[in-house]
PDB file of N, CA and C in Angstrom:
ATOM      1  N   MET A   1     121.260 132.689  67.119  1.00  0.00           N
ATOM      2  CA  MET A   1     122.082 131.911  67.816  1.00  0.00           C
ATOM      3  C   MET A   1     120.936 130.743  68.186  1.00  0.00           C
ATOM      4  N   SER A   2     121.674 129.559  68.413  1.00  0.00           N
ATOM      5  CA  SER A   2     120.836 128.425  68.672  1.00  0.00           C
ATOM      6  C   SER A   2     121.326 127.599  69.943  1.00  0.00           C
ATOM      7  N   GLY A   3     120.690 126.648  70.438  1.00  0.00           N
ATOM      8  CA  GLY A   3     121.205 126.006  71.545  1.00  0.00           C
ATOM      9  C   GLY A   3     121.059 126.670  72.970  1.00  0.00           C
ATOM     10  N   PRO A   4     121.269 125.839  74.082  1.00  0.00           N
ATOM     11  CA  PRO A   4     121.187 126.607  75.294  1.00  0.00           C
ATOM     12  C   PRO A   4     122.340 127.523  75.454  1.00  0.00           C
ATOM     13  N   TYR A   5     121.930 128.500  76.154  1.00  0.00           N
ATOM     14  CA  TYR A   5     123.006 129.594  76.467  1.00  0.00           C
ATOM     15  C   TYR A   5     123.720 129.023  77.803  1.00  0.00           C
ATOM     16  N   LEU A   6     124.984 129.539  77.907  1.00  0.00           N
ATOM     17  CA  LEU A   6     125.709 129.290  79.233  1.00  0.00           C
ATOM     18  C   LEU A   6     126.776 130.469  79.303  1.00  0.00           C
ATOM     19  N   TYR A   7     127.505 130.571  80.477  1.00  0.00           N
ATOM     20  CA  TYR A   7     128.318 131.535  80.633  1.00  0.00           C
ATOM     21  C   TYR A   7     129.792 130.871  81.058  1.00  0.00           C
ATOM     22  N   THR A   8     130.679 131.630  80.750  1.00  0.00           N
ATOM     23  CA  THR A   8     132.217 131.167  81.034  1.00  0.00           C
ATOM     24  C   THR A   8     132.883 132.347  81.536  1.00  0.00           C
ATOM     25  N   GLN A   9     133.944 132.281  82.403  1.00  0.00           N
ATOM     26  CA  GLN A   9     134.658 133.246  82.743  1.00  0.00           C
ATOM     27  C   GLN A   9     135.733 133.422  81.703  1.00  0.00           C
ATOM     28  N   SER A  10     135.681 134.471  80.856  1.00  0.00           N
ATOM     29  CA  SER A  10     136.558 134.696  79.856  1.00  0.00           C
ATOM     30  C   SER A  10     137.944 135.400  80.257  1.00  0.00           C
ATOM     31  N   GLU A  11     137.812 136.258  81.313  1.00  0.00           N
ATOM     32  CA  GLU A  11     138.814 137.013  81.802  1.00  0.00           C
ATOM     33  C   GLU A  11     138.719 137.163  83.375  1.00  0.00           C
ATOM     34  N   PRO A  12     139.686 137.634  84.012  1.00  0.00           N
ATOM     35  CA  PRO A  12     139.336 137.847  85.506  1.00  0.00           C
ATOM     36  C   PRO A  12     138.233 139.001  85.501  1.00  0.00           C
ATOM     37  N   ASN A  13     137.407 138.731  86.412  1.00  0.00           N
ATOM     38  CA  ASN A  13     136.138 139.705  86.485  1.00  0.00           C
ATOM     39  C   ASN A  13     135.438 139.914  85.343  1.00  0.00           C
ATOM     40  N   LEU A  14     135.338 138.975  84.319  1.00  0.00           N
ATOM     41  CA  LEU A  14     134.627 139.079  83.141  1.00  0.00           C
ATOM     42  C   LEU A  14     133.853 137.812  82.878  1.00  0.00           C
ATOM     43  N   TRP A  15     132.657 137.724  82.819  1.00  0.00           N
ATOM     44  CA  TRP A  15     131.962 136.575  82.280  1.00  0.00           C
ATOM     45  C   TRP A  15     131.213 136.675  81.087  1.00  0.00           C
ATOM     46  N   THR A  16     131.480 135.765  80.287  1.00  0.00           N
ATOM     47  CA  THR A  16     130.675 135.964  78.830  1.00  0.00           C
ATOM     48  C   THR A  16     129.754 134.970  78.714  1.00  0.00           C
ATOM     49  N   VAL A  17     128.479 135.352  78.277  1.00  0.00           N
ATOM     50  CA  VAL A  17     127.209 134.630  77.944  1.00  0.00           C
ATOM     51  C   VAL A  17     127.300 134.258  76.459  1.00  0.00           C
ATOM     52  N   GLY A  18     126.917 133.119  76.114  1.00  0.00           N
ATOM     53  CA  GLY A  18     126.835 132.775  74.718  1.00  0.00           C
ATOM     54  C   GLY A  18     126.325 131.435  74.543  1.00  0.00           C
ATOM     55  N   THR A  19     126.502 130.951  73.376  1.00  0.00           N
ATOM     56  CA  THR A  19     126.087 129.556  73.011  1.00  0.00           C
ATOM     57  C   THR A  19     127.146 128.686  72.374  1.00  0.00           C
ATOM     58  N   GLY A  20     127.010 127.431  72.317  1.00  0.00           N
ATOM     59  CA  GLY A  20     128.154 126.594  71.701  1.00  0.00           C
ATOM     60  C   GLY A  20     129.009 126.158  72.860  1.00  0.00           C
ATOM     61  N   ASP A  21     130.289 125.833  72.398  1.00  0.00           N
ATOM     62  CA  ASP A  21     131.347 125.374  73.202  1.00  0.00           C
ATOM     63  C   ASP A  21     132.223 126.490  73.360  1.00  0.00           C
ATOM     64  N   PRO A  22     132.408 127.074  74.507  1.00  0.00           N
ATOM     65  CA  PRO A  22     133.328 128.133  74.861  1.00  0.00           C
ATOM     66  C   PRO A  22     134.902 127.851  74.564  1.00  0.00           C
ATOM     67  N   ARG A  23     135.223 126.629  74.641  1.00  0.00           N
ATOM     68  CA  ARG A  23     136.485 126.026  74.448  1.00  0.00           C
ATOM     69  C   ARG A  23     136.904 126.019  73.062  1.00  0.00           C
ATOM     70  N   SER A  24     135.894 126.282  72.198  1.00  0.00           N
ATOM     71  CA  SER A  24     136.284 126.081  70.756  1.00  0.00           C
ATOM     72  C   SER A  24     137.128 127.410  70.151  1.00  0.00           C
ATOM     73  N   GLY A  25     136.941 128.446  70.996  1.00  0.00           N
ATOM     74  CA  GLY A  25     137.697 129.625  70.694  1.00  0.00           C
ATOM     75  C   GLY A  25     137.447 130.204  69.169  1.00  0.00           C
ATOM     76  N   ILE A  26     138.140 131.156  68.777  1.00  0.00           N
ATOM     77  CA  ILE A  26     137.842 131.953  67.509  1.00  0.00           C
ATOM     78  C   ILE A  26     137.705 130.918  66.413  1.00  0.00           C
ATOM     79  N   GLY A  27     136.698 130.968  65.462  1.00  0.00           N
ATOM     80  CA  GLY A  27     136.394 130.211  64.456  1.00  0.00           C
ATOM     81  C   GLY A  27     135.642 128.946  64.835  1.00  0.00           C
ATOM     82  N   GLY A  28     135.584 128.619  65.911  1.00  0.00           N
ATOM     83  CA  GLY A  28     134.680 127.538  66.491  1.00  0.00           C
ATOM     84  C   GLY A  28     133.222 127.700  66.515  1.00  0.00           C
ATOM     85  N   ASN A  29     132.454 126.926  67.315  1.00  0.00           N
ATOM     86  CA  ASN A  29     131.006 127.129  67.174  1.00  0.00           C
ATOM     87  C   ASN A  29     130.666 128.026  68.379  1.00  0.00           C
ATOM     88  N   TRP A  30     131.335 128.648  69.243  1.00  0.00           N
ATOM     89  CA  TRP A  30     131.130 129.592  70.256  1.00  0.00           C
ATOM     90  C   TRP A  30     130.632 130.902  69.561  1.00  0.00           C
ATOM     91  N   GLU A  31     129.446 131.182  70.155  1.00  0.00           N
ATOM     92  CA  GLU A  31     128.826 132.535  69.747  1.00  0.00           C
ATOM     93  C   GLU A  31     128.474 133.319  70.877  1.00  0.00           C
ATOM     94  N   PRO A  32     129.229 134.337  71.303  1.00  0.00           N
ATOM     95  CA  PRO A  32     128.984 135.141  72.520  1.00  0.00           C
ATOM     96  C   PRO A  32     127.964 136.025  72.242  1.00  0.00           C
ATOM     97  N   ASP A  33     127.072 136.266  73.282  1.00  0.00           N
ATOM     98  CA  ASP A  33     125.972 136.981  73.454  1.00  0.00           C
ATOM     99  C   ASP A  33     126.235 138.402  74.104  1.00  0.00           C
ATOM    100  N   SER A  34     126.805 138.408  75.431  1.00  0.00           N
ATOM    101  CA  SER A  34     127.329 139.457  76.144  1.00  0.00           C
ATOM    102  C   SER A  34     128.237 139.268  77.127  1.00  0.00           C
ATOM    103  N   ASP A  35     128.797 140.428  77.648  1.00  0.00           N
ATOM    104  CA  ASP A  35     129.862 140.180  78.704  1.00  0.00           C
ATOM    105  C   ASP A  35     129.237 140.938  80.003  1.00  0.00           C
ATOM    106  N   HIS A  36     129.625 140.364  81.076  1.00  0.00           N
ATOM    107  CA  HIS A  36     129.156 140.805  82.445  1.00  0.00           C
ATOM    108  C   HIS A  36     130.197 140.915  83.619  1.00  0.00           C
ATOM    109  N   GLY A  37     130.186 141.875  84.378  1.00  0.00           N
ATOM    110  CA  GLY A  37     131.140 142.056  85.368  1.00  0.00           C
ATOM    111  C   GLY A  37     130.984 141.102  86.585  1.00  0.00           C
ATOM    112  N   THR A  38     130.028 140.538  86.708  1.00  0.00           N
ATOM    113  CA  THR A  38     129.839 139.465  87.967  1.00  0.00           C
ATOM    114  C   THR A  38     129.223 138.117  87.332  1.00  0.00           C
ATOM    115  N   ARG A  39     129.567 137.203  88.128  1.00  0.00           N
ATOM    116  CA  ARG A  39     128.860 135.788  87.809  1.00  0.00           C
ATOM    117  C   ARG A  39     127.408 135.854  87.827  1.00  0.00           C
ATOM    118  N   GLU A  40     126.902 136.655  88.933  1.00  0.00           N
ATOM    119  CA  GLU A  40     125.448 136.623  89.227  1.00  0.00           C
ATOM    120  C   GLU A  40     124.640 137.298  87.988  1.00  0.00           C
ATOM    121  N   GLU A  41     125.251 138.336  87.548  1.00  0.00           N
ATOM    122  CA  GLU A  41     124.712 138.965  86.243  1.00  0.00           C
ATOM    123  C   GLU A  41     124.723 138.140  85.070  1.00  0.00           C
ATOM    124  N   ALA A  42     125.704 137.371  84.786  1.00  0.00           N
ATOM    125  CA  ALA A  42     125.919 136.399  83.662  1.00  0.00           C
ATOM    126  C   ALA A  42     124.938 135.260  83.807  1.00  0.00           C
ATOM    127  N   ALA A  43     124.736 134.810  85.043  1.00  0.00           N
ATOM    128  CA  ALA A  43     123.804 133.787  85.267  1.00  0.00           C
ATOM    129  C   ALA A  43     122.310 134.243  85.169  1.00  0.00           C
ATOM    130  N   ALA A  44     121.985 135.315  85.457  1.00  0.00           N
ATOM    131  CA  ALA A  44     120.678 136.089  85.351  1.00  0.00           C
ATOM    132  C   ALA A  44     120.298 136.154  83.878  1.00  0.00           C
ATOM    133  N   ARG A  45     121.411 136.471  82.951  1.00  0.00           N
ATOM    134  CA  ARG A  45     121.215 136.744  81.465  1.00  0.00           C
ATOM    135  C   ARG A  45     121.047 135.235  80.842  1.00  0.00           C
ATOM    136  N   VAL A  46     121.675 134.236  81.285  1.00  0.00           N
ATOM    137  CA  VAL A  46     121.592 132.915  81.000  1.00  0.00           C
ATOM    138  C   VAL A  46     120.121 132.444  81.056  1.00  0.00           C
ATOM    139  N   ALA A  47     119.646 132.612  82.391  1.00  0.00           N
ATOM    140  CA  ALA A  47     118.331 132.156  82.755  1.00  0.00           C
ATOM    141  C   ALA A  47     117.279 133.065  81.874  1.00  0.00           C
ATOM    142  N   TYR A  48     117.408 134.180  81.648  1.00  0.00           N
ATOM    143  CA  TYR A  48     116.384 135.003  80.771  1.00  0.00           C
ATOM    144  C   TYR A  48     116.692 134.445  79.295  1.00  0.00           C
ATOM    145  N   LEU A  49     117.819 134.116  78.781  1.00  0.00           N
ATOM    146  CA  LEU A  49     117.832 133.672  77.333  1.00  0.00           C
ATOM    147  C   LEU A  49     117.412 132.194  77.191  1.00  0.00           C
ATOM    148  N   ASN A  50     117.565 131.520  78.289  1.00  0.00           N
ATOM    149  CA  ASN A  50     117.071 129.971  78.180  1.00  0.00           C
ATOM    150  C   ASN A  50     115.512 129.882  78.571  1.00  0.00           C
ATOM    151  N   GLY A  51     114.762 131.131  78.701  1.00  0.00           N
ATOM    152  CA  GLY A  51     113.529 131.146  79.098  1.00  0.00           C
ATOM    153  C   GLY A  51     113.139 130.957  80.493  1.00  0.00           C
ATOM    154  N   GLY A  52     114.084 131.239  81.318  1.00  0.00           N
ATOM    155  CA  GLY A  52     113.831 131.051  82.669  1.00  0.00           C
ATOM    156  C   GLY A  52     113.034 132.456  83.228  1.00  0.00           C
ATOM    157  N   GLY A  53     112.938 133.454  82.577  1.00  0.00           N
ATOM    158  CA  GLY A  53     112.276 134.412  82.893  1.00  0.00           C
ATOM    159  C   GLY A  53     112.941 135.285  83.866  1.00  0.00           C
ATOM    160  N   GLY A  54     112.481 136.407  84.548  1.00  0.00           N
ATOM    161  CA  GLY A  54     113.218 137.099  85.445  1.00  0.00           C
ATOM    162  C   GLY A  54     113.749 138.445  84.916  1.00  0.00           C
ATOM    163  N   GLY A  55     114.205 138.353  83.574  1.00  0.00           N
ATOM    164  CA  GLY A  55     114.675 139.515  82.928  1.00  0.00           C
ATOM    165  C   GLY A  55     116.111 139.629  83.289  1.00  0.00           C
ATOM    166  N   PRO A  56     116.708 140.540  82.394  1.00  0.00           N
ATOM    167  CA  PRO A  56     118.331 140.704  82.562  1.00  0.00           C
ATOM    168  C   PRO A  56     118.492 141.393  83.941  1.00  0.00           C
ATOM    169  N   ASP A  57     117.591 142.042  84.586  1.00  0.00           N
ATOM    170  CA  ASP A  57     117.760 142.614  85.792  1.00  0.00           C
ATOM    171  C   ASP A  57     117.682 141.756  87.127  1.00  0.00           C
ATOM    172  N   LEU A  58     117.708 140.458  86.882  1.00  0.00           N
ATOM    173  CA  LEU A  58     117.554 139.539  88.023  1.00  0.00           C
ATOM    174  C   LEU A  58     118.564 139.709  89.124  1.00  0.00           C
ATOM    175  N   ALA A  59     119.820 140.031  88.634  1.00  0.00           N
ATOM    176  CA  ALA A  59     120.883 140.316  89.757  1.00  0.00           C
ATOM    177  C   ALA A  59     120.448 141.635  90.533  1.00  0.00           C
ATOM    178  N   ALA A  60     120.085 142.575  90.095  1.00  0.00           N
ATOM    179  CA  ALA A  60     119.600 143.811  90.765  1.00  0.00           C
ATOM    180  C   ALA A  60     118.320 143.529  91.567  1.00  0.00           C
ATOM    181  N   GLN A  61     117.466 142.760  91.025  1.00  0.00           N
ATOM    182  CA  GLN A  61     116.339 142.351  92.064  1.00  0.00           C
ATOM    183  C   GLN A  61     116.942 141.601  93.210  1.00  0.00           C
ATOM    184  N   LEU A  62     117.731 140.625  92.948  1.00  0.00           N
ATOM    185  CA  LEU A  62     118.251 139.816  94.120  1.00  0.00           C
ATOM    186  C   LEU A  62     119.051 140.798  95.230  1.00  0.00           C
ATOM    187  N   ALA A  63     119.805 141.616  94.628  1.00  0.00           N
ATOM    188  CA  ALA A  63     120.491 142.550  95.520  1.00  0.00           C
ATOM    189  C   ALA A  63     119.443 143.220  96.326  1.00  0.00           C
ATOM    190  N   ALA A  64     118.543 143.878  95.688  1.00  0.00           N
ATOM    191  CA  ALA A  64     117.353 144.520  96.407  1.00  0.00           C
ATOM    192  C   ALA A  64     116.788 143.692  97.440  1.00  0.00           C
ATOM    193  N   ALA A  65     116.429 142.485  97.080  1.00  0.00           N
ATOM    194  CA  ALA A  65     115.845 141.432  97.999  1.00  0.00           C
ATOM    195  C   ALA A  65     116.735 141.219  99.287  1.00  0.00           C
ATOM    196  N   GLN A  66     117.961 141.166  99.131  1.00  0.00           N
ATOM    197  CA  GLN A  66     118.846 141.026 100.099  1.00  0.00           C
ATOM    198  C   GLN A  66     119.030 142.197 100.876  1.00  0.00           C
ATOM    199  N   ALA A  67     119.049 143.184 100.397  1.00  0.00           N
ATOM    200  CA  ALA A  67     119.043 144.406 101.142  1.00  0.00           C
ATOM    201  C   ALA A  67     117.904 144.685 102.057  1.00  0.00           C
ATOM    202  N   GLU A  68     116.718 144.250 101.507  1.00  0.00           N
ATOM    203  CA  GLU A  68     115.452 144.492 102.236  1.00  0.00           C
ATOM    204  C   GLU A  68     115.378 143.466 103.458  1.00  0.00           C
ATOM    205  N   CYS A  69     116.010 142.297 103.329  1.00  0.00           N
ATOM    206  CA  CYS A  69     116.032 141.365 104.282  1.00  0.00           C
ATOM    207  C   CYS A  69     116.925 141.682 105.451  1.00  0.00           C
ATOM    208  N   LYS A  70     118.007 142.394 105.165  1.00  0.00           N
ATOM    209  CA  LYS A  70     118.968 142.929 106.071  1.00  0.00           C
ATOM    210  C   LYS A  70     118.239 143.961 106.935  1.00  0.00           C
ATOM    211  N   ARG A  71     117.450 144.832 106.159  1.00  0.00           N
ATOM    212  CA  ARG A  71     116.724 146.009 106.774  1.00  0.00           C
ATOM    213  C   ARG A  71     115.771 145.462 107.854  1.00  0.00           C
ATOM    214  N   LEU A  72     115.017 144.379 107.341  1.00  0.00           N
ATOM    215  CA  LEU A  72     113.947 143.691 108.190  1.00  0.00           C
ATOM    216  C   LEU A  72     114.541 142.856 109.404  1.00  0.00           C
ATOM    217  N   ARG A  73     115.687 142.341 109.248  1.00  0.00           N
ATOM    218  CA  ARG A  73     116.486 141.735 110.194  1.00  0.00           C
ATOM    219  C   ARG A  73     116.867 142.805 111.371  1.00  0.00           C
ATOM    220  N   ALA A  74     117.327 143.902 110.937  1.00  0.00           N
ATOM    221  CA  ALA A  74     117.723 145.113 111.905  1.00  0.00           C
ATOM    222  C   ALA A  74     116.545 145.581 112.628  1.00  0.00           C
ATOM    223  N   ALA A  75     115.549 145.680 111.901  1.00  0.00           N
ATOM    224  CA  ALA A  75     114.092 146.185 112.547  1.00  0.00           C
ATOM    225  C   ALA A  75     113.654 145.210 113.489  1.00  0.00           C
ATOM    226  N   LEU A  76     113.674 143.805 113.214  1.00  0.00           N
ATOM    227  CA  LEU A  76     113.319 142.699 114.081  1.00  0.00           C
ATOM    228  C   LEU A  76     114.123 142.901 115.337  1.00  0.00           C
ATOM    229  N   ALA A  77     115.519 143.086 115.123  1.00  0.00           N
ATOM    230  CA  ALA A  77     116.434 143.224 116.453  1.00  0.00           C
ATOM    231  C   ALA A  77     116.008 144.227 117.345  1.00  0.00           C
ATOM    232  N   LEU A  78     115.705 145.466 116.656  1.00  0.00           N
ATOM    233  CA  LEU A  78     115.323 146.617 117.570  1.00  0.00           C
ATOM    234  C   LEU A  78     113.950 146.426 118.210  1.00  0.00           C
ATOM    235  N   ALA A  79     112.972 145.619 117.589  1.00  0.00           N
ATOM    236  CA  ALA A  79     111.767 145.430 118.037  1.00  0.00           C
ATOM    237  C   ALA A  79     111.459 144.381 119.119  1.00  0.00           C
ATOM    238  N   ALA A  80     112.559 143.337 119.173  1.00  0.00           N
ATOM    239  CA  ALA A  80     112.519 142.147 120.049  1.00  0.00           C
ATOM    240  C   ALA A  80     112.473 142.680 121.470  1.00  0.00           C
ATOM    241  N   PRO A  81     113.073 143.633 122.047  1.00  0.00           N
ATOM    242  CA  PRO A  81     112.890 144.116 123.560  1.00  0.00           C
ATOM    243  C   PRO A  81     111.693 144.578 123.870  1.00  0.00           C
ATOM    244  N   VAL A  82     111.029 145.387 122.882  1.00  0.00           N
ATOM    245  CA  VAL A  82     109.844 145.995 123.038  1.00  0.00           C
ATOM    246  C   VAL A  82     108.734 144.801 123.039  1.00  0.00           C
ATOM    247  N   VAL A  83     108.763 143.990 122.231  1.00  0.00           N
ATOM    248  CA  VAL A  83     107.875 142.800 122.160  1.00  0.00           C
ATOM    249  C   VAL A  83     107.895 142.045 123.463  1.00  0.00           C
ATOM    250  N   ALA A  84     109.070 141.816 123.984  1.00  0.00           N
ATOM    251  CA  ALA A  84     109.424 140.952 125.328  1.00  0.00           C
ATOM    252  C   ALA A  84     108.809 141.787 126.429  1.00  0.00           C
ATOM    253  N   ALA A  85     109.037 142.985 126.349  1.00  0.00           N
ATOM    254  CA  ALA A  85     108.346 143.905 127.423  1.00  0.00           C
ATOM    255  C   ALA A  85     106.832 143.848 127.437  1.00  0.00           C
ATOM    256  N   ALA A  86     106.262 144.028 126.296  1.00  0.00           N
ATOM    257  CA  ALA A  86     104.898 143.960 126.100  1.00  0.00           C
ATOM    258  C   ALA A  86     104.285 142.590 126.555  1.00  0.00           C
ATOM    259  N   SER A  87     104.929 141.527 126.323  1.00  0.00           N
ATOM    260  CA  SER A  87     104.511 140.253 126.586  1.00  0.00           C
ATOM    261  C   SER A  87     104.741 140.230 128.194  1.00  0.00           C
ATOM    262  N   ARG A  88     105.720 140.684 128.983  1.00  0.00           N
ATOM    263  CA  ARG A  88     105.635 140.579 130.372  1.00  0.00           C
ATOM    264  C   ARG A  88     104.707 141.328 130.956  1.00  0.00           C
ATOM    265  N   ARG A  89     104.221 142.496 130.514  1.00  0.00           N
ATOM    266  CA  ARG A  89     103.026 143.314 130.949  1.00  0.00           C
ATOM    267  C   ARG A  89     101.821 142.696 130.904  1.00  0.00           C
ATOM    268  N   VAL A  90     101.555 141.748 129.668  1.00  0.00           N
ATOM    269  CA  VAL A  90     100.366 140.987 129.583  1.00  0.00           C
ATOM    270  C   VAL A  90     100.255 139.846 130.713  1.00  0.00           C
ATOM    271  N   ARG A  91     101.457 139.159 130.856  1.00  0.00           N
ATOM    272  CA  ARG A  91     101.479 138.176 131.970  1.00  0.00           C
ATOM    273  C   ARG A  91     101.303 138.779 133.100  1.00  0.00           C
ATOM    274  N   ASP A  92     101.774 139.915 133.548  1.00  0.00           N
ATOM    275  CA  ASP A  92     101.497 140.629 134.800  1.00  0.00           C
ATOM    276  C   ASP A  92     100.024 141.032 134.962  1.00  0.00           C
ATOM    277  N   HIS A  93      99.423 141.579 134.126  1.00  0.00           N
ATOM    278  CA  HIS A  93      98.155 141.886 134.061  1.00  0.00           C
ATOM    279  C   HIS A  93      97.344 140.761 134.291  1.00  0.00           C
ATOM    280  N   ALA A  94      97.422 139.501 133.731  1.00  0.00           N
ATOM    281  CA  ALA A  94      96.862 138.233 133.873  1.00  0.00           C
ATOM    282  C   ALA A  94      96.871 137.799 135.217  1.00  0.00           C
ATOM    283  N   ALA A  95      98.087 137.773 135.691  1.00  0.00           N
ATOM    284  CA  ALA A  95      98.228 137.427 137.169  1.00  0.00           C
ATOM    285  C   ALA A  95      97.588 138.307 138.198  1.00  0.00           C
ATOM    286  N   ARG A  96      97.648 139.636 137.892  1.00  0.00           N
ATOM    287  CA  ARG A  96      96.845 140.562 138.668  1.00  0.00           C
ATOM    288  C   ARG A  96      95.476 140.516 138.842  1.00  0.00           C
ATOM    289  N   PHE A  97      94.827 140.110 137.734  1.00  0.00           N
ATOM    290  CA  PHE A  97      93.360 139.876 137.572  1.00  0.00           C
ATOM    291  C   PHE A  97      92.936 138.431 137.761  1.00  0.00           C
ATOM    292  N   ASP A  98      93.890 137.680 138.062  1.00  0.00           N
ATOM    293  CA  ASP A  98      93.700 136.252 138.351  1.00  0.00           C
ATOM    294  C   ASP A  98      93.056 135.600 137.110  1.00  0.00           C
ATOM    295  N   ILE A  99      93.577 135.736 136.004  1.00  0.00           N
ATOM    296  CA  ILE A  99      93.085 135.331 134.727  1.00  0.00           C
ATOM    297  C   ILE A  99      94.016 134.085 134.333  1.00  0.00           C
ATOM    298  N   ASP A 100      93.342 132.864 134.101  1.00  0.00           N
ATOM    299  CA  ASP A 100      94.047 131.706 133.796  1.00  0.00           C
ATOM    300  C   ASP A 100      94.628 131.759 132.353  1.00  0.00           C
ATOM    301  N   CYS A 101      93.987 132.170 131.447  1.00  0.00           N
ATOM    302  CA  CYS A 101      94.339 132.524 130.070  1.00  0.00           C
ATOM    303  C   CYS A 101      95.004 133.720 129.959  1.00  0.00           C
ATOM    304  N   CYS A 102      95.996 133.889 129.408  1.00  0.00           N
ATOM    305  CA  CYS A 102      96.744 135.199 128.998  1.00  0.00           C
ATOM    306  C   CYS A 102      96.621 135.477 127.603  1.00  0.00           C
ATOM    307  N   CYS A 103      95.980 134.969 126.632  1.00  0.00           N
ATOM    308  CA  CYS A 103      96.029 135.346 125.409  1.00  0.00           C
ATOM    309  C   CYS A 103      95.454 136.746 125.293  1.00  0.00           C
ATOM    310  N   ASP A 104      95.865 137.486 124.151  1.00  0.00           N
ATOM    311  CA  ASP A 104      95.378 138.867 124.124  1.00  0.00           C
ATOM    312  C   ASP A 104      93.960 139.086 124.168  1.00  0.00           C
ATOM    313  N   LEU A 105      93.157 138.383 123.523  1.00  0.00           N
ATOM    314  CA  LEU A 105      91.671 138.404 123.647  1.00  0.00           C
ATOM    315  C   LEU A 105      91.001 138.217 125.133  1.00  0.00           C
ATOM    316  N   CYS A 106      91.562 137.231 125.844  1.00  0.00           N
ATOM    317  CA  CYS A 106      91.131 137.062 127.121  1.00  0.00           C
ATOM    318  C   CYS A 106      91.562 138.094 128.037  1.00  0.00           C
ATOM    319  N   VAL A 107      92.827 138.646 127.916  1.00  0.00           N
ATOM    320  CA  VAL A 107      93.268 139.617 128.889  1.00  0.00           C
ATOM    321  C   VAL A 107      92.445 140.945 128.644  1.00  0.00           C
ATOM    322  N   VAL A 108      92.267 141.203 127.311  1.00  0.00           N
ATOM    323  CA  VAL A 108      91.653 142.482 126.933  1.00  0.00           C
ATOM    324  C   VAL A 108      90.075 142.513 127.479  1.00  0.00           C
ATOM    325  N   TYR A 109      89.206 141.187 127.211  1.00  0.00           N
ATOM    326  CA  TYR A 109      87.911 141.089 127.619  1.00  0.00           C
ATOM    327  C   TYR A 109      87.943 141.255 129.066  1.00  0.00           C
ATOM    328  N   ARG A 110      88.823 140.424 129.773  1.00  0.00           N
ATOM    329  CA  ARG A 110      88.565 140.351 131.196  1.00  0.00           C
ATOM    330  C   ARG A 110      89.018 141.560 131.902  1.00  0.00           C
ATOM    331  N   THR A 111      89.983 142.193 131.427  1.00  0.00           N
ATOM    332  CA  THR A 111      90.505 143.459 132.188  1.00  0.00           C
ATOM    333  C   THR A 111      89.409 144.536 131.952  1.00  0.00           C
ATOM    334  N   THR A 112      89.058 144.604 130.658  1.00  0.00           N
ATOM    335  CA  THR A 112      88.005 145.671 130.418  1.00  0.00           C
ATOM    336  C   THR A 112      86.537 145.312 131.118  1.00  0.00           C
ATOM    337  N   TYR A 113      86.196 144.183 131.234  1.00  0.00           N
ATOM    338  CA  TYR A 113      85.022 143.857 132.059  1.00  0.00           C
ATOM    339  C   TYR A 113      85.336 143.933 133.343  1.00  0.00           C
ATOM    340  N   ARG A 114      86.262 143.779 134.080  1.00  0.00           N
ATOM    341  CA  ARG A 114      86.500 143.886 135.566  1.00  0.00           C
ATOM    342  C   ARG A 114      86.695 145.414 135.889  1.00  0.00           C
ATOM    343  N   ALA A 115      87.458 146.156 134.886  1.00  0.00           N
ATOM    344  CA  ALA A 115      87.548 147.540 134.812  1.00  0.00           C
ATOM    345  C   ALA A 115      86.492 148.159 135.015  1.00  0.00           C
ATOM    346  N   ALA A 116      85.420 147.682 134.336  1.00  0.00           N
ATOM    347  CA  ALA A 116      84.094 148.513 134.087  1.00  0.00           C
ATOM    348  C   ALA A 116      83.275 148.148 135.186  1.00  0.00           C
ATOM    349  N   GLN A 117      83.462 147.265 136.168  1.00  0.00           N
ATOM    350  CA  GLN A 117      82.660 146.882 137.327  1.00  0.00           C
ATOM    351  C   GLN A 117      82.915 147.910 138.424  1.00  0.00           C
ATOM    352  N   PRO A 118      81.939 148.499 139.091  1.00  0.00           N
ATOM    353  CA  PRO A 118      82.138 149.418 140.028  1.00  0.00           C
ATOM    354  C   PRO A 118      82.780 148.930 141.358  1.00  0.00           C
ATOM    355  N   GLU A 119      83.727 149.603 141.993  1.00  0.00           N
ATOM    356  CA  GLU A 119      84.211 149.041 143.179  1.00  0.00           C
ATOM    357  C   GLU A 119      83.089 149.184 144.187  1.00  0.00           C
ATOM    358  N   PRO A 120      83.020 148.171 145.007  1.00  0.00           N
ATOM    359  CA  PRO A 120      81.996 147.992 146.213  1.00  0.00           C
ATOM    360  C   PRO A 120      82.494 149.338 147.294  1.00  0.00           C
ATOM    361  N   ALA A 121      81.581 149.891 147.762  1.00  0.00           N
ATOM    362  CA  ALA A 121      81.810 150.925 148.905  1.00  0.00           C
ATOM    363  C   ALA A 121      82.167 150.208 150.052  1.00  0.00           C
ATOM    364  N   PRO A 122      83.033 150.875 150.942  1.00  0.00           N
ATOM    365  CA  PRO A 122      83.492 150.234 151.968  1.00  0.00           C
ATOM    366  C   PRO A 122      82.463 149.739 152.958  1.00  0.00           C
ATOM    367  N   ALA A 123      81.223 150.353 153.139  1.00  0.00           N
ATOM    368  CA  ALA A 123      80.418 149.921 154.124  1.00  0.00           C
ATOM    369  C   ALA A 123      79.699 148.451 153.528  1.00  0.00           C
ATOM    370  N   GLU A 124      79.519 148.680 152.154  1.00  0.00           N
ATOM    371  CA  GLU A 124      78.959 147.354 151.474  1.00  0.00           C
ATOM    372  C   GLU A 124      79.869 146.249 151.668  1.00  0.00           C
ATOM    373  N   GLU A 125      81.161 146.514 151.548  1.00  0.00           N
ATOM    374  CA  GLU A 125      82.056 145.394 151.655  1.00  0.00           C
ATOM    375  C   GLU A 125      81.992 144.817 153.106  1.00  0.00           C
ATOM    376  N   ALA A 126      81.884 145.679 154.193  1.00  0.00           N
ATOM    377  CA  ALA A 126      81.887 145.099 155.611  1.00  0.00           C
ATOM    378  C   ALA A 126      80.504 144.214 155.695  1.00  0.00           C
ATOM    379  N   GLN A 127      79.366 144.526 154.999  1.00  0.00           N
ATOM    380  CA  GLN A 127      78.201 143.768 155.170  1.00  0.00           C
ATOM    381  C   GLN A 127      78.261 142.469 154.530  1.00  0.00           C
ATOM    382  N   ARG A 128      79.106 142.226 153.505  1.00  0.00           N
ATOM    383  CA  ARG A 128      79.243 140.936 152.835  1.00  0.00           C
ATOM    384  C   ARG A 128      79.935 139.905 153.683  1.00  0.00           C
TER     385      ARG A 128
END
């Protein structure tokens, strides 16, 4: 077969990939290549045959990517309250230790540093 490949809906729920003019019918210059149950599968085959790469399983790869996006969105929705709570805890600690900057590095450094300092004894505190 020669020429660019294209697809046409040949019947309800049936897309045919081929080259030439699909309107020419039997005896014309239409040369069918394959039939597909969805437009996406036909488009993937056309892209592959026209040198676009991706292979004939492009529709399956797209479906898998969409499913993965849906799974990740659900995971983010579950994680959002946890992240918000952690952020509040960081701000609370920053305020408690009188820290101007509340980025993770400053909070960890300053809270670790201050926690490592010994508490003054009550007698020493009175003398100051």
